[in-house]
Amino acid sequence: MGKRQKIIAYWALAVAVVCFLLSMPFWATDEKDAKATLEAFGFTPIRVGGFDSFGCGIDLYATKFTATSPAGKTVKGNVCRTPGMTKSSIEIDNAE
């Protein structure tokens, strides 16, 4: 492979990675799973929606939520899930 072909290949890869990262906020949420997970833990009423960049570390799906906890407090956070895994987790972030 020549020098010119390598440069073109690197640019194509860079463009693909940037397009992938820019599209994530539009598809990396799972509102149905987030609502079901929160309901299973007794959270009501639940408002879900929106992607949170790096809100769940390496998990792909990071769906923001606001809900009332079983203790009666309003909480905000993320429901995290990795495709192919059967379990979701809840991360609550009420840092002021």
PDB file of N, CA and C in Angstrom:
ATOM      1  N   MET A   1       0.845  -1.168   0.000  1.00  0.00           N
ATOM      2  CA  MET A   1       0.000   0.000   0.000  1.00  0.00           C
ATOM      3  C   MET A   1       0.893   1.234   0.000  1.00  0.00           C
ATOM      4  N   GLY A   2       0.623   2.137  -0.924  1.00  0.00           N
ATOM      5  CA  GLY A   2       1.431   3.347  -1.032  1.00  0.00           C
ATOM      6  C   GLY A   2       1.106   4.362   0.045  1.00  0.00           C
ATOM      7  N   LYS A   3       1.968   5.368   0.129  1.00  0.00           N
ATOM      8  CA  LYS A   3       1.810   6.398   1.152  1.00  0.00           C
ATOM      9  C   LYS A   3       0.490   7.151   0.963  1.00  0.00           C
ATOM     10  N   ARG A   4       0.144   7.453  -0.265  1.00  0.00           N
ATOM     11  CA  ARG A   4      -1.094   8.178  -0.562  1.00  0.00           C
ATOM     12  C   ARG A   4      -2.316   7.342  -0.152  1.00  0.00           C
ATOM     13  N   GLN A   5      -2.278   6.054  -0.421  1.00  0.00           N
ATOM     14  CA  GLN A   5      -3.400   5.177  -0.069  1.00  0.00           C
ATOM     15  C   GLN A   5      -3.561   5.061   1.447  1.00  0.00           C
ATOM     16  N   LYS A   6      -2.442   5.044   2.166  1.00  0.00           N
ATOM     17  CA  LYS A   6      -2.511   4.982   3.627  1.00  0.00           C
ATOM     18  C   LYS A   6      -3.150   6.243   4.197  1.00  0.00           C
ATOM     19  N   ILE A   7      -2.783   7.388   3.656  1.00  0.00           N
ATOM     20  CA  ILE A   7      -3.346   8.660   4.118  1.00  0.00           C
ATOM     21  C   ILE A   7      -4.853   8.693   3.867  1.00  0.00           C
ATOM     22  N   ILE A   8      -5.271   8.243   2.690  1.00  0.00           N
ATOM     23  CA  ILE A   8      -6.702   8.204   2.371  1.00  0.00           C
ATOM     24  C   ILE A   8      -7.433   7.250   3.315  1.00  0.00           C
ATOM     25  N   ALA A   9      -6.821   6.112   3.597  1.00  0.00           N
ATOM     26  CA  ALA A   9      -7.439   5.134   4.499  1.00  0.00           C
ATOM     27  C   ALA A   9      -7.581   5.714   5.909  1.00  0.00           C
ATOM     28  N   TYR A  10      -6.573   6.409   6.403  1.00  0.00           N
ATOM     29  CA  TYR A  10      -6.647   7.025   7.731  1.00  0.00           C
ATOM     30  C   TYR A  10      -7.732   8.103   7.780  1.00  0.00           C
ATOM     31  N   TRP A  11      -7.826   8.921   6.740  1.00  0.00           N
ATOM     32  CA  TRP A  11      -8.864   9.949   6.696  1.00  0.00           C
ATOM     33  C   TRP A  11     -10.255   9.331   6.662  1.00  0.00           C
ATOM     34  N   ALA A  12     -10.413   8.265   5.890  1.00  0.00           N
ATOM     35  CA  ALA A  12     -11.712   7.586   5.819  1.00  0.00           C
ATOM     36  C   ALA A  12     -12.096   7.020   7.190  1.00  0.00           C
ATOM     37  N   LEU A  13     -11.140   6.442   7.877  1.00  0.00           N
ATOM     38  CA  LEU A  13     -11.394   5.913   9.218  1.00  0.00           C
ATOM     39  C   LEU A  13     -11.766   7.042  10.182  1.00  0.00           C
ATOM     40  N   ALA A  14     -11.041   8.146  10.118  1.00  0.00           N
ATOM     41  CA  ALA A  14     -11.323   9.287  10.997  1.00  0.00           C
ATOM     42  C   ALA A  14     -12.726   9.837  10.739  1.00  0.00           C
ATOM     43  N   VAL A  15     -13.122   9.948   9.499  1.00  0.00           N
ATOM     44  CA  VAL A  15     -14.450  10.446   9.149  1.00  0.00           C
ATOM     45  C   VAL A  15     -15.520   9.479   9.668  1.00  0.00           C
ATOM     46  N   ALA A  16     -15.296   8.188   9.511  1.00  0.00           N
ATOM     47  CA  ALA A  16     -16.259   7.188   9.994  1.00  0.00           C
ATOM     48  C   ALA A  16     -16.414   7.269  11.509  1.00  0.00           C
ATOM     49  N   VAL A  17     -15.318   7.408  12.242  1.00  0.00           N
ATOM     50  CA  VAL A  17     -15.374   7.499  13.702  1.00  0.00           C
ATOM     51  C   VAL A  17     -16.115   8.766  14.136  1.00  0.00           C
ATOM     52  N   VAL A  18     -15.825   9.883  13.503  1.00  0.00           N
ATOM     53  CA  VAL A  18     -16.496  11.138  13.851  1.00  0.00           C
ATOM     54  C   VAL A  18     -17.992  11.041  13.565  1.00  0.00           C
ATOM     55  N   CYS A  19     -18.375  10.482  12.432  1.00  0.00           N
ATOM     56  CA  CYS A  19     -19.801  10.316  12.107  1.00  0.00           C
ATOM     57  C   CYS A  19     -20.487   9.411  13.123  1.00  0.00           C
ATOM     58  N   PHE A  20     -19.818   8.336  13.526  1.00  0.00           N
ATOM     59  CA  PHE A  20     -20.368   7.427  14.529  1.00  0.00           C
ATOM     60  C   PHE A  20     -20.589   8.149  15.848  1.00  0.00           C
ATOM     61  N   LEU A  21     -19.603   8.888  16.303  1.00  0.00           N
ATOM     62  CA  LEU A  21     -19.706   9.585  17.584  1.00  0.00           C
ATOM     63  C   LEU A  21     -20.756  10.687  17.557  1.00  0.00           C
ATOM     64  N   LEU A  22     -20.889  11.379  16.445  1.00  0.00           N
ATOM     65  CA  LEU A  22     -21.886  12.433  16.350  1.00  0.00           C
ATOM     66  C   LEU A  22     -23.308  11.895  16.288  1.00  0.00           C
ATOM     67  N   SER A  23     -23.465  10.684  15.799  1.00  0.00           N
ATOM     68  CA  SER A  23     -24.806  10.106  15.695  1.00  0.00           C
ATOM     69  C   SER A  23     -25.264   9.457  16.999  1.00  0.00           C
ATOM     70  N   MET A  24     -24.373   9.194  17.941  1.00  0.00           N
ATOM     71  CA  MET A  24     -24.735   8.490  19.172  1.00  0.00           C
ATOM     72  C   MET A  24     -25.885   9.112  19.946  1.00  0.00           C
ATOM     73  N   PRO A  25     -25.925  10.425  20.152  1.00  0.00           N
ATOM     74  CA  PRO A  25     -27.027  10.967  20.948  1.00  0.00           C
ATOM     75  C   PRO A  25     -28.406  10.676  20.361  1.00  0.00           C
ATOM     76  N   PHE A  26     -28.479  10.359  19.086  1.00  0.00           N
ATOM     77  CA  PHE A  26     -29.768  10.126  18.457  1.00  0.00           C
ATOM     78  C   PHE A  26     -30.240   8.685  18.583  1.00  0.00           C
ATOM     79  N   TRP A  27     -29.341   7.753  18.870  1.00  0.00           N
ATOM     80  CA  TRP A  27     -29.768   6.358  18.930  1.00  0.00           C
ATOM     81  C   TRP A  27     -29.349   5.633  20.192  1.00  0.00           C
ATOM     82  N   ALA A  28     -28.544   6.230  21.021  1.00  0.00           N
ATOM     83  CA  ALA A  28     -28.020   5.507  22.182  1.00  0.00           C
ATOM     84  C   ALA A  28     -28.850   5.714  23.441  1.00  0.00           C
ATOM     85  N   THR A  29     -30.158   5.671  23.279  1.00  0.00           N
ATOM     86  CA  THR A  29     -31.048   5.679  24.427  1.00  0.00           C
ATOM     87  C   THR A  29     -32.006   4.499  24.284  1.00  0.00           C
ATOM     88  N   ASP A  30     -32.511   4.023  25.372  1.00  0.00           N
ATOM     89  CA  ASP A  30     -33.487   2.941  25.359  1.00  0.00           C
ATOM     90  C   ASP A  30     -34.555   3.295  26.382  1.00  0.00           C
ATOM     91  N   GLU A  31     -35.508   4.131  25.967  1.00  0.00           N
ATOM     92  CA  GLU A  31     -36.512   4.647  26.888  1.00  0.00           C
ATOM     93  C   GLU A  31     -37.409   3.546  27.451  1.00  0.00           C
ATOM     94  N   LYS A  32     -37.743   2.554  26.640  1.00  0.00           N
ATOM     95  CA  LYS A  32     -38.612   1.464  27.099  1.00  0.00           C
ATOM     96  C   LYS A  32     -37.930   0.673  28.219  1.00  0.00           C
ATOM     97  N   ASP A  33     -36.654   0.315  28.018  1.00  0.00           N
ATOM     98  CA  ASP A  33     -35.899  -0.416  29.039  1.00  0.00           C
ATOM     99  C   ASP A  33     -35.705   0.442  30.290  1.00  0.00           C
ATOM    100  N   ALA A  34     -35.424   1.727  30.099  1.00  0.00           N
ATOM    101  CA  ALA A  34     -35.215   2.618  31.240  1.00  0.00           C
ATOM    102  C   ALA A  34     -36.467   2.700  32.102  1.00  0.00           C
ATOM    103  N   LYS A  35     -37.616   2.868  31.469  1.00  0.00           N
ATOM    104  CA  LYS A  35     -38.866   2.971  32.233  1.00  0.00           C
ATOM    105  C   LYS A  35     -39.167   1.665  32.965  1.00  0.00           C
ATOM    106  N   ALA A  36     -38.985   0.529  32.295  1.00  0.00           N
ATOM    107  CA  ALA A  36     -39.245  -0.768  32.919  1.00  0.00           C
ATOM    108  C   ALA A  36     -38.308  -1.004  34.108  1.00  0.00           C
ATOM    109  N   THR A  37     -37.042  -0.636  33.961  1.00  0.00           N
ATOM    110  CA  THR A  37     -36.069  -0.804  35.042  1.00  0.00           C
ATOM    111  C   THR A  37     -36.440   0.055  36.248  1.00  0.00           C
ATOM    112  N   LEU A  38     -36.780   1.311  36.008  1.00  0.00           N
ATOM    113  CA  LEU A  38     -37.139   2.214  37.103  1.00  0.00           C
ATOM    114  C   LEU A  38     -38.424   1.775  37.794  1.00  0.00           C
ATOM    115  N   GLU A  39     -39.409   1.318  37.024  1.00  0.00           N
ATOM    116  CA  GLU A  39     -40.660   0.835  37.623  1.00  0.00           C
ATOM    117  C   GLU A  39     -40.404  -0.389  38.505  1.00  0.00           C
ATOM    118  N   ALA A  40     -39.473  -1.254  38.090  1.00  0.00           N
ATOM    119  CA  ALA A  40     -39.160  -2.452  38.877  1.00  0.00           C
ATOM    120  C   ALA A  40     -38.579  -2.097  40.239  1.00  0.00           C
ATOM    121  N   PHE A  41     -37.953  -0.932  40.342  1.00  0.00           N
ATOM    122  CA  PHE A  41     -37.382  -0.494  41.618  1.00  0.00           C
ATOM    123  C   PHE A  41     -38.311   0.439  42.383  1.00  0.00           C
ATOM    124  N   GLY A  42     -39.523   0.652  41.884  1.00  0.00           N
ATOM    125  CA  GLY A  42     -40.512   1.439  42.609  1.00  0.00           C
ATOM    126  C   GLY A  42     -40.474   2.934  42.360  1.00  0.00           C
ATOM    127  N   PHE A  43     -39.803   3.391  41.327  1.00  0.00           N
ATOM    128  CA  PHE A  43     -39.760   4.814  41.006  1.00  0.00           C
ATOM    129  C   PHE A  43     -41.035   5.208  40.262  1.00  0.00           C
ATOM    130  N   THR A  44     -41.676   6.321  40.688  1.00  0.00           N
ATOM    131  CA  THR A  44     -42.847   6.864  39.999  1.00  0.00           C
ATOM    132  C   THR A  44     -42.940   8.343  40.317  1.00  0.00           C
ATOM    133  N   PRO A  45     -43.570   9.201  39.602  1.00  0.00           N
ATOM    134  CA  PRO A  45     -43.719   9.089  38.164  1.00  0.00           C
ATOM    135  C   PRO A  45     -42.361   9.224  37.500  1.00  0.00           C
ATOM    136  N   ILE A  46     -42.232   8.672  36.337  1.00  0.00           N
ATOM    137  CA  ILE A  46     -40.936   8.610  35.651  1.00  0.00           C
ATOM    138  C   ILE A  46     -40.972   9.468  34.395  1.00  0.00           C
ATOM    139  N   ARG A  47     -39.944  10.286  34.245  1.00  0.00           N
ATOM    140  CA  ARG A  47     -39.747  11.056  33.008  1.00  0.00           C
ATOM    141  C   ARG A  47     -38.407  10.623  32.435  1.00  0.00           C
ATOM    142  N   VAL A  48     -38.424   9.958  31.278  1.00  0.00           N
ATOM    143  CA  VAL A  48     -37.190   9.480  30.673  1.00  0.00           C
ATOM    144  C   VAL A  48     -36.960  10.161  29.343  1.00  0.00           C
ATOM    145  N   GLY A  49     -35.717  10.129  28.923  1.00  0.00           N
ATOM    146  CA  GLY A  49     -35.414  10.632  27.593  1.00  0.00           C
ATOM    147  C   GLY A  49     -34.118  11.393  27.543  1.00  0.00           C
ATOM    148  N   GLY A  50     -33.451  11.215  26.455  1.00  0.00           N
ATOM    149  CA  GLY A  50     -32.225  11.928  26.210  1.00  0.00           C
ATOM    150  C   GLY A  50     -30.992  11.101  26.519  1.00  0.00           C
ATOM    151  N   PHE A  51     -29.981  11.343  25.753  1.00  0.00           N
ATOM    152  CA  PHE A  51     -28.709  10.652  25.897  1.00  0.00           C
ATOM    153  C   PHE A  51     -27.800  11.463  26.808  1.00  0.00           C
ATOM    154  N   ASP A  52     -27.019  10.789  27.629  1.00  0.00           N
ATOM    155  CA  ASP A  52     -26.068  11.458  28.510  1.00  0.00           C
ATOM    156  C   ASP A  52     -24.664  10.964  28.168  1.00  0.00           C
ATOM    157  N   SER A  53     -23.905  11.786  27.473  1.00  0.00           N
ATOM    158  CA  SER A  53     -22.543  11.415  27.086  1.00  0.00           C
ATOM    159  C   SER A  53     -21.734  11.046  28.313  1.00  0.00           C
ATOM    160  N   PHE A  54     -21.154   9.892  28.305  1.00  0.00           N
ATOM    161  CA  PHE A  54     -20.315   9.373  29.382  1.00  0.00           C
ATOM    162  C   PHE A  54     -21.048   9.273  30.712  1.00  0.00           C
ATOM    163  N   GLY A  55     -22.371   9.302  30.691  1.00  0.00           N
ATOM    164  CA  GLY A  55     -23.150   9.191  31.924  1.00  0.00           C
ATOM    165  C   GLY A  55     -23.079   7.806  32.537  1.00  0.00           C
ATOM    166  N   CYS A  56     -22.703   6.831  31.731  1.00  0.00           N
ATOM    167  CA  CYS A  56     -22.647   5.452  32.220  1.00  0.00           C
ATOM    168  C   CYS A  56     -21.291   4.814  31.951  1.00  0.00           C
ATOM    169  N   GLY A  57     -20.285   5.592  31.822  1.00  0.00           N
ATOM    170  CA  GLY A  57     -18.957   5.018  31.559  1.00  0.00           C
ATOM    171  C   GLY A  57     -18.906   4.342  30.203  1.00  0.00           C
ATOM    172  N   ILE A  58     -18.609   3.049  30.189  1.00  0.00           N
ATOM    173  CA  ILE A  58     -18.445   2.354  28.918  1.00  0.00           C
ATOM    174  C   ILE A  58     -19.741   1.746  28.390  1.00  0.00           C
ATOM    175  N   ASP A  59     -20.838   1.793  29.171  1.00  0.00           N
ATOM    176  CA  ASP A  59     -22.107   1.288  28.672  1.00  0.00           C
ATOM    177  C   ASP A  59     -22.551   2.125  27.482  1.00  0.00           C
ATOM    178  N   LEU A  60     -23.127   1.472  26.493  1.00  0.00           N
ATOM    179  CA  LEU A  60     -23.505   2.178  25.273  1.00  0.00           C
ATOM    180  C   LEU A  60     -24.767   3.006  25.460  1.00  0.00           C
ATOM    181  N   TYR A  61     -25.785   2.442  26.100  1.00  0.00           N
ATOM    182  CA  TYR A  61     -27.031   3.162  26.278  1.00  0.00           C
ATOM    183  C   TYR A  61     -27.026   3.883  27.612  1.00  0.00           C
ATOM    184  N   ALA A  62     -27.180   5.194  27.576  1.00  0.00           N
ATOM    185  CA  ALA A  62     -27.235   6.016  28.779  1.00  0.00           C
ATOM    186  C   ALA A  62     -28.463   6.903  28.655  1.00  0.00           C
ATOM    187  N   THR A  63     -29.561   6.485  29.275  1.00  0.00           N
ATOM    188  CA  THR A  63     -30.821   7.200  29.157  1.00  0.00           C
ATOM    189  C   THR A  63     -31.073   8.001  30.428  1.00  0.00           C
ATOM    190  N   LYS A  64     -31.198   9.325  30.275  1.00  0.00           N
ATOM    191  CA  LYS A  64     -31.448  10.200  31.423  1.00  0.00           C
ATOM    192  C   LYS A  64     -32.855   9.967  31.959  1.00  0.00           C
ATOM    193  N   PHE A  65     -33.009  10.218  33.257  1.00  0.00           N
ATOM    194  CA  PHE A  65     -34.343  10.155  33.847  1.00  0.00           C
ATOM    195  C   PHE A  65     -34.462  11.103  35.028  1.00  0.00           C
ATOM    196  N   THR A  66     -35.700  11.447  35.324  1.00  0.00           N
ATOM    197  CA  THR A  66     -36.073  12.152  36.548  1.00  0.00           C
ATOM    198  C   THR A  66     -37.280  11.396  37.087  1.00  0.00           C
ATOM    199  N   ALA A  67     -37.270  11.076  38.369  1.00  0.00           N
ATOM    200  CA  ALA A  67     -38.366  10.306  38.954  1.00  0.00           C
ATOM    201  C   ALA A  67     -38.431  10.557  40.451  1.00  0.00           C
ATOM    202  N   THR A  68     -39.495  10.051  41.036  1.00  0.00           N
ATOM    203  CA  THR A  68     -39.644  10.101  42.484  1.00  0.00           C
ATOM    204  C   THR A  68     -39.290   8.724  43.027  1.00  0.00           C
ATOM    205  N   SER A  69     -38.366   8.692  43.977  1.00  0.00           N
ATOM    206  CA  SER A  69     -37.911   7.428  44.555  1.00  0.00           C
ATOM    207  C   SER A  69     -38.987   6.849  45.470  1.00  0.00           C
ATOM    208  N   PRO A  70     -38.860   5.573  45.830  1.00  0.00           N
ATOM    209  CA  PRO A  70     -39.813   4.982  46.775  1.00  0.00           C
ATOM    210  C   PRO A  70     -39.846   5.729  48.123  1.00  0.00           C
ATOM    211  N   ALA A  71     -38.759   6.432  48.455  1.00  0.00           N
ATOM    212  CA  ALA A  71     -38.697   7.206  49.696  1.00  0.00           C
ATOM    213  C   ALA A  71     -39.357   8.582  49.557  1.00  0.00           C
ATOM    214  N   GLY A  72     -39.848   8.901  48.340  1.00  0.00           N
ATOM    215  CA  GLY A  72     -40.537  10.166  48.125  1.00  0.00           C
ATOM    216  C   GLY A  72     -39.666  11.320  47.684  1.00  0.00           C
ATOM    217  N   LYS A  73     -38.392  11.072  47.390  1.00  0.00           N
ATOM    218  CA  LYS A  73     -37.482  12.132  46.951  1.00  0.00           C
ATOM    219  C   LYS A  73     -37.383  12.152  45.432  1.00  0.00           C
ATOM    220  N   THR A  74     -37.273  13.352  44.865  1.00  0.00           N
ATOM    221  CA  THR A  74     -37.068  13.486  43.427  1.00  0.00           C
ATOM    222  C   THR A  74     -35.596  13.243  43.131  1.00  0.00           C
ATOM    223  N   VAL A  75     -35.332  12.330  42.207  1.00  0.00           N
ATOM    224  CA  VAL A  75     -33.960  11.988  41.853  1.00  0.00           C
ATOM    225  C   VAL A  75     -33.761  12.104  40.347  1.00  0.00           C
ATOM    226  N   LYS A  76     -32.517  12.350  39.966  1.00  0.00           N
ATOM    227  CA  LYS A  76     -32.119  12.408  38.559  1.00  0.00           C
ATOM    228  C   LYS A  76     -30.956  11.454  38.372  1.00  0.00           C
ATOM    229  N   GLY A  77     -30.838  10.924  37.175  1.00  0.00           N
ATOM    230  CA  GLY A  77     -29.725  10.031  36.903  1.00  0.00           C
ATOM    231  C   GLY A  77     -29.827   9.401  35.536  1.00  0.00           C
ATOM    232  N   ASN A  78     -29.232   8.218  35.403  1.00  0.00           N
ATOM    233  CA  ASN A  78     -29.195   7.489  34.144  1.00  0.00           C
ATOM    234  C   ASN A  78     -29.530   6.027  34.370  1.00  0.00           C
ATOM    235  N   VAL A  79     -30.171   5.446  33.377  1.00  0.00           N
ATOM    236  CA  VAL A  79     -30.315   4.003  33.335  1.00  0.00           C
ATOM    237  C   VAL A  79     -29.322   3.549  32.272  1.00  0.00           C
ATOM    238  N   CYS A  80     -28.443   2.632  32.654  1.00  0.00           N
ATOM    239  CA  CYS A  80     -27.334   2.204  31.810  1.00  0.00           C
ATOM    240  C   CYS A  80     -27.541   0.773  31.322  1.00  0.00           C
ATOM    241  N   ARG A  81     -27.219   0.543  30.045  1.00  0.00           N
ATOM    242  CA  ARG A  81     -27.340  -0.802  29.501  1.00  0.00           C
ATOM    243  C   ARG A  81     -26.389  -0.958  28.336  1.00  0.00           C
ATOM    244  N   THR A  82     -25.797  -2.137  28.241  1.00  0.00           N
ATOM    245  CA  THR A  82     -24.944  -2.489  27.113  1.00  0.00           C
ATOM    246  C   THR A  82     -25.701  -3.488  26.250  1.00  0.00           C
ATOM    247  N   PRO A  83     -25.792  -3.256  24.932  1.00  0.00           N
ATOM    248  CA  PRO A  83     -26.496  -4.194  24.065  1.00  0.00           C
ATOM    249  C   PRO A  83     -25.923  -5.601  24.215  1.00  0.00           C
ATOM    250  N   GLY A  84     -26.816  -6.587  24.216  1.00  0.00           N
ATOM    251  CA  GLY A  84     -26.392  -7.969  24.370  1.00  0.00           C
ATOM    252  C   GLY A  84     -26.390  -8.426  25.813  1.00  0.00           C
ATOM    253  N   MET A  85     -26.436  -7.494  26.739  1.00  0.00           N
ATOM    254  CA  MET A  85     -26.486  -7.824  28.165  1.00  0.00           C
ATOM    255  C   MET A  85     -27.953  -7.807  28.601  1.00  0.00           C
ATOM    256  N   THR A  86     -28.304  -8.636  29.555  1.00  0.00           N
ATOM    257  CA  THR A  86     -29.698  -8.730  29.971  1.00  0.00           C
ATOM    258  C   THR A  86     -30.028  -7.832  31.152  1.00  0.00           C
ATOM    259  N   LYS A  87     -29.033  -7.235  31.779  1.00  0.00           N
ATOM    260  CA  LYS A  87     -29.277  -6.421  32.970  1.00  0.00           C
ATOM    261  C   LYS A  87     -29.019  -4.943  32.700  1.00  0.00           C
ATOM    262  N   SER A  88     -29.801  -4.116  33.355  1.00  0.00           N
ATOM    263  CA  SER A  88     -29.597  -2.671  33.314  1.00  0.00           C
ATOM    264  C   SER A  88     -29.234  -2.214  34.718  1.00  0.00           C
ATOM    265  N   SER A  89     -28.610  -1.061  34.804  1.00  0.00           N
ATOM    266  CA  SER A  89     -28.279  -0.516  36.119  1.00  0.00           C
ATOM    267  C   SER A  89     -28.751   0.928  36.196  1.00  0.00           C
ATOM    268  N   ILE A  90     -28.939   1.399  37.415  1.00  0.00           N
ATOM    269  CA  ILE A  90     -29.382   2.770  37.648  1.00  0.00           C
ATOM    270  C   ILE A  90     -28.248   3.521  38.329  1.00  0.00           C
ATOM    271  N   GLU A  91     -27.938   4.692  37.784  1.00  0.00           N
ATOM    272  CA  GLU A  91     -26.945   5.571  38.413  1.00  0.00           C
ATOM    273  C   GLU A  91     -27.659   6.866  38.763  1.00  0.00           C
ATOM    274  N   ILE A  92     -27.717   7.170  40.045  1.00  0.00           N
ATOM    275  CA  ILE A  92     -28.399   8.390  40.507  1.00  0.00           C
ATOM    276  C   ILE A  92     -27.363   9.454  40.778  1.00  0.00           C
ATOM    277  N   ASP A  93     -27.626  10.655  40.235  1.00  0.00           N
ATOM    278  CA  ASP A  93     -26.691  11.755  40.394  1.00  0.00           C
ATOM    279  C   ASP A  93     -27.451  12.970  40.896  1.00  0.00           C
ATOM    280  N   ASN A  94     -27.390  13.196  42.184  1.00  0.00           N
ATOM    281  CA  ASN A  94     -28.052  14.358  42.762  1.00  0.00           C
ATOM    282  C   ASN A  94     -27.051  15.335  43.348  1.00  0.00           C
ATOM    283  N   ALA A  95     -25.838  15.324  42.803  1.00  0.00           N
ATOM    284  CA  ALA A  95     -24.809  16.260  43.274  1.00  0.00           C
ATOM    285  C   ALA A  95     -25.238  17.686  42.924  1.00  0.00           C
ATOM    286  N   GLU A  96     -25.140  18.548  43.857  1.00  0.00           N
ATOM    287  CA  GLU A  96     -25.558  19.940  43.644  1.00  0.00           C
ATOM    288  C   GLU A  96     -24.341  20.794  43.402  1.00  0.00           C
TER     289      GLU A  96
END
